């Protein structure tokens, strides 16, 4: 929309793997135009370094996990 607007968490993660490396972002959307902004959770991490339970929660867009990351003031 070309102006500074608030973004809101979509509650969805994007998990992208390239070989053994994984990137994970929490997707935010502009409240007016639906433009997206991806907030990095993991960047270029080895898949083996991420707890399997956590990775499964990210892949299924666990609502509680998305909420926790969306309101992590220190990380933002």
N, C-alpha and C. Protein backbone atom coordinates (compact mmCIF):
# COMPACT_ATOMS: atom_id res chain seq x y z
N UNK A 1 0.82 -1.20 0.00
CA UNK A 1 0.00 0.00 0.00
C UNK A 1 0.87 1.27 0.00
N UNK A 2 2.18 1.11 0.12
CA UNK A 2 3.08 2.24 -0.05
C UNK A 2 3.23 3.17 1.14
N UNK A 3 2.60 2.87 2.26
CA UNK A 3 2.74 3.70 3.45
C UNK A 3 3.11 2.82 4.64
N UNK A 4 3.53 3.46 5.71
CA UNK A 4 3.87 2.70 6.92
C UNK A 4 2.57 2.26 7.59
N UNK A 5 2.42 0.96 7.72
CA UNK A 5 1.21 0.39 8.31
C UNK A 5 1.60 -0.68 9.32
N UNK A 6 0.67 -1.05 10.15
CA UNK A 6 0.90 -2.12 11.12
C UNK A 6 0.82 -3.48 10.43
N UNK A 7 1.63 -4.39 10.90
CA UNK A 7 1.59 -5.77 10.43
C UNK A 7 1.12 -6.65 11.58
N UNK A 8 0.40 -7.70 11.24
CA UNK A 8 -0.16 -8.61 12.23
C UNK A 8 0.30 -10.03 11.88
N UNK A 9 0.63 -10.81 12.90
CA UNK A 9 1.04 -12.19 12.65
C UNK A 9 -0.09 -12.97 11.98
N UNK A 10 0.27 -13.73 10.97
CA UNK A 10 -0.71 -14.59 10.29
C UNK A 10 -0.94 -15.88 11.07
N UNK A 11 -0.05 -16.15 12.04
CA UNK A 11 -0.14 -17.41 12.78
C UNK A 11 0.41 -18.58 12.00
N UNK A 12 1.11 -18.29 10.89
CA UNK A 12 1.65 -19.34 10.05
C UNK A 12 3.16 -19.18 9.90
N UNK A 13 3.83 -20.32 9.86
CA UNK A 13 5.27 -20.35 9.64
C UNK A 13 5.54 -20.75 8.20
N UNK A 14 6.66 -20.31 7.68
CA UNK A 14 7.14 -20.82 6.40
C UNK A 14 8.42 -21.57 6.70
N UNK A 15 8.45 -22.84 6.35
CA UNK A 15 9.62 -23.69 6.55
C UNK A 15 10.17 -24.02 5.18
N UNK A 16 11.44 -23.67 4.95
CA UNK A 16 12.06 -23.89 3.66
C UNK A 16 13.37 -24.65 3.87
N UNK A 17 13.50 -25.78 3.20
CA UNK A 17 14.72 -26.58 3.32
C UNK A 17 15.49 -26.55 2.01
N UNK A 18 16.80 -26.44 2.14
CA UNK A 18 17.69 -26.52 0.99
C UNK A 18 18.82 -27.46 1.39
N UNK A 19 18.71 -28.71 0.96
CA UNK A 19 19.67 -29.71 1.41
C UNK A 19 19.46 -29.98 2.89
N UNK A 20 20.55 -29.86 3.66
CA UNK A 20 20.46 -30.10 5.10
C UNK A 20 20.13 -28.83 5.87
N UNK A 21 20.05 -27.71 5.20
CA UNK A 21 19.81 -26.42 5.85
C UNK A 21 18.34 -26.05 5.83
N UNK A 22 17.90 -25.44 6.93
CA UNK A 22 16.48 -25.05 7.07
C UNK A 22 16.39 -23.59 7.45
N UNK A 23 15.44 -22.91 6.84
CA UNK A 23 15.05 -21.56 7.22
C UNK A 23 13.60 -21.63 7.69
N UNK A 24 13.29 -20.89 8.76
CA UNK A 24 11.92 -20.83 9.26
C UNK A 24 11.59 -19.37 9.54
N UNK A 25 10.45 -18.93 9.04
CA UNK A 25 9.98 -17.57 9.27
C UNK A 25 8.56 -17.61 9.81
N UNK A 26 8.22 -16.63 10.63
CA UNK A 26 6.82 -16.40 11.01
C UNK A 26 6.32 -15.32 10.07
N UNK A 27 5.21 -15.57 9.41
CA UNK A 27 4.69 -14.66 8.39
C UNK A 27 3.78 -13.62 9.03
N UNK A 28 4.07 -12.36 8.74
CA UNK A 28 3.23 -11.24 9.17
C UNK A 28 2.56 -10.66 7.93
N UNK A 29 1.37 -10.09 8.10
CA UNK A 29 0.61 -9.49 7.00
C UNK A 29 0.25 -8.05 7.34
N UNK A 30 0.30 -7.17 6.33
CA UNK A 30 -0.15 -5.79 6.49
C UNK A 30 -1.65 -5.82 6.78
N UNK A 31 -2.08 -4.99 7.72
CA UNK A 31 -3.51 -5.01 8.08
C UNK A 31 -4.40 -4.42 6.99
N UNK A 32 -3.81 -3.69 6.03
CA UNK A 32 -4.62 -3.09 4.97
C UNK A 32 -4.50 -3.79 3.62
N UNK A 33 -3.27 -4.09 3.20
CA UNK A 33 -3.11 -4.59 1.83
C UNK A 33 -2.70 -6.06 1.73
N UNK A 34 -2.51 -6.74 2.85
CA UNK A 34 -2.15 -8.15 2.88
C UNK A 34 -0.72 -8.42 2.40
N UNK A 35 0.11 -7.37 2.24
CA UNK A 35 1.52 -7.57 1.92
C UNK A 35 2.15 -8.38 3.05
N UNK A 36 3.15 -9.19 2.73
CA UNK A 36 3.74 -10.03 3.77
C UNK A 36 5.14 -9.56 4.16
N UNK A 37 5.50 -9.89 5.40
CA UNK A 37 6.84 -9.68 5.93
C UNK A 37 7.18 -10.93 6.70
N UNK A 38 8.34 -11.52 6.42
CA UNK A 38 8.75 -12.75 7.08
C UNK A 38 9.77 -12.45 8.17
N UNK A 39 9.43 -12.81 9.40
CA UNK A 39 10.32 -12.63 10.54
C UNK A 39 11.11 -13.92 10.75
N UNK A 40 12.42 -13.85 10.67
CA UNK A 40 13.28 -15.03 10.77
C UNK A 40 13.28 -15.66 12.15
N UNK A 41 13.00 -16.95 12.21
CA UNK A 41 13.07 -17.72 13.44
C UNK A 41 14.36 -18.55 13.44
N UNK A 42 14.59 -19.29 12.37
CA UNK A 42 15.84 -20.02 12.14
C UNK A 42 16.33 -19.66 10.75
N UNK A 43 17.62 -19.42 10.62
CA UNK A 43 18.20 -19.11 9.31
C UNK A 43 19.41 -19.99 9.07
N UNK A 44 19.34 -20.77 8.00
CA UNK A 44 20.42 -21.64 7.55
C UNK A 44 20.88 -22.60 8.64
N UNK A 45 19.95 -23.13 9.40
CA UNK A 45 20.25 -24.08 10.47
C UNK A 45 20.29 -25.50 9.93
N UNK A 46 21.17 -26.29 10.50
CA UNK A 46 21.20 -27.70 10.15
C UNK A 46 19.94 -28.35 10.74
N UNK A 47 19.28 -29.13 9.93
CA UNK A 47 18.03 -29.78 10.35
C UNK A 47 18.22 -30.58 11.64
N UNK A 48 19.38 -31.21 11.80
CA UNK A 48 19.64 -32.02 12.99
C UNK A 48 19.77 -31.18 14.26
N UNK A 49 20.01 -29.88 14.11
CA UNK A 49 20.16 -29.00 15.27
C UNK A 49 18.82 -28.51 15.83
N UNK A 50 17.73 -28.80 15.13
CA UNK A 50 16.40 -28.39 15.57
C UNK A 50 15.69 -29.60 16.16
N UNK A 51 15.19 -29.44 17.37
CA UNK A 51 14.47 -30.53 18.04
C UNK A 51 13.34 -31.02 17.14
N UNK A 52 13.22 -32.33 16.91
CA UNK A 52 12.18 -32.87 16.03
C UNK A 52 10.76 -32.47 16.42
N UNK A 53 10.50 -32.37 17.72
CA UNK A 53 9.17 -31.96 18.18
C UNK A 53 8.89 -30.51 17.80
N UNK A 54 9.90 -29.65 17.95
CA UNK A 54 9.77 -28.25 17.56
C UNK A 54 9.57 -28.12 16.06
N UNK A 55 10.35 -28.86 15.29
CA UNK A 55 10.22 -28.80 13.83
C UNK A 55 8.83 -29.25 13.39
N UNK A 56 8.31 -30.30 14.01
CA UNK A 56 6.96 -30.77 13.67
C UNK A 56 5.92 -29.70 13.99
N UNK A 57 6.09 -29.00 15.12
CA UNK A 57 5.15 -27.92 15.49
C UNK A 57 5.22 -26.78 14.49
N UNK A 58 6.42 -26.44 14.04
CA UNK A 58 6.58 -25.39 13.04
C UNK A 58 5.91 -25.79 11.72
N UNK A 59 6.11 -27.04 11.32
CA UNK A 59 5.56 -27.52 10.05
C UNK A 59 4.04 -27.60 10.06
N UNK A 60 3.44 -27.78 11.22
CA UNK A 60 1.97 -27.85 11.28
C UNK A 60 1.34 -26.53 11.72
N UNK A 61 2.16 -25.46 11.79
CA UNK A 61 1.68 -24.13 12.18
C UNK A 61 0.97 -24.15 13.53
N UNK A 62 1.64 -24.74 14.53
CA UNK A 62 1.08 -24.83 15.87
C UNK A 62 0.68 -23.44 16.37
N UNK A 63 -0.61 -23.22 16.69
CA UNK A 63 -1.08 -21.89 17.10
C UNK A 63 -0.39 -21.34 18.35
N UNK A 64 -0.15 -22.18 19.34
CA UNK A 64 0.50 -21.70 20.57
C UNK A 64 1.94 -21.28 20.30
N UNK A 65 2.63 -22.02 19.46
CA UNK A 65 4.01 -21.67 19.12
C UNK A 65 4.05 -20.37 18.31
N UNK A 66 3.13 -20.22 17.36
CA UNK A 66 3.07 -18.98 16.58
C UNK A 66 2.77 -17.79 17.48
N UNK A 67 1.87 -17.96 18.43
CA UNK A 67 1.54 -16.88 19.36
C UNK A 67 2.75 -16.50 20.21
N UNK A 68 3.47 -17.52 20.68
CA UNK A 68 4.65 -17.26 21.51
C UNK A 68 5.71 -16.46 20.73
N UNK A 69 5.94 -16.82 19.48
CA UNK A 69 6.92 -16.09 18.67
C UNK A 69 6.41 -14.70 18.29
N UNK A 70 5.13 -14.58 18.03
CA UNK A 70 4.56 -13.28 17.65
C UNK A 70 4.66 -12.26 18.78
N UNK A 71 4.62 -12.73 20.01
CA UNK A 71 4.65 -11.82 21.16
C UNK A 71 5.98 -11.87 21.92
N UNK A 72 7.02 -12.37 21.26
CA UNK A 72 8.36 -12.40 21.86
C UNK A 72 9.00 -11.03 21.64
N UNK A 73 8.78 -10.14 22.58
CA UNK A 73 9.22 -8.74 22.45
C UNK A 73 10.73 -8.64 22.30
N UNK A 74 11.47 -9.49 22.96
CA UNK A 74 12.93 -9.43 22.88
C UNK A 74 13.40 -9.77 21.46
N UNK A 75 12.82 -10.78 20.84
CA UNK A 75 13.22 -11.17 19.49
C UNK A 75 12.80 -10.14 18.45
N UNK A 76 11.64 -9.53 18.65
CA UNK A 76 11.18 -8.54 17.68
C UNK A 76 11.99 -7.27 17.82
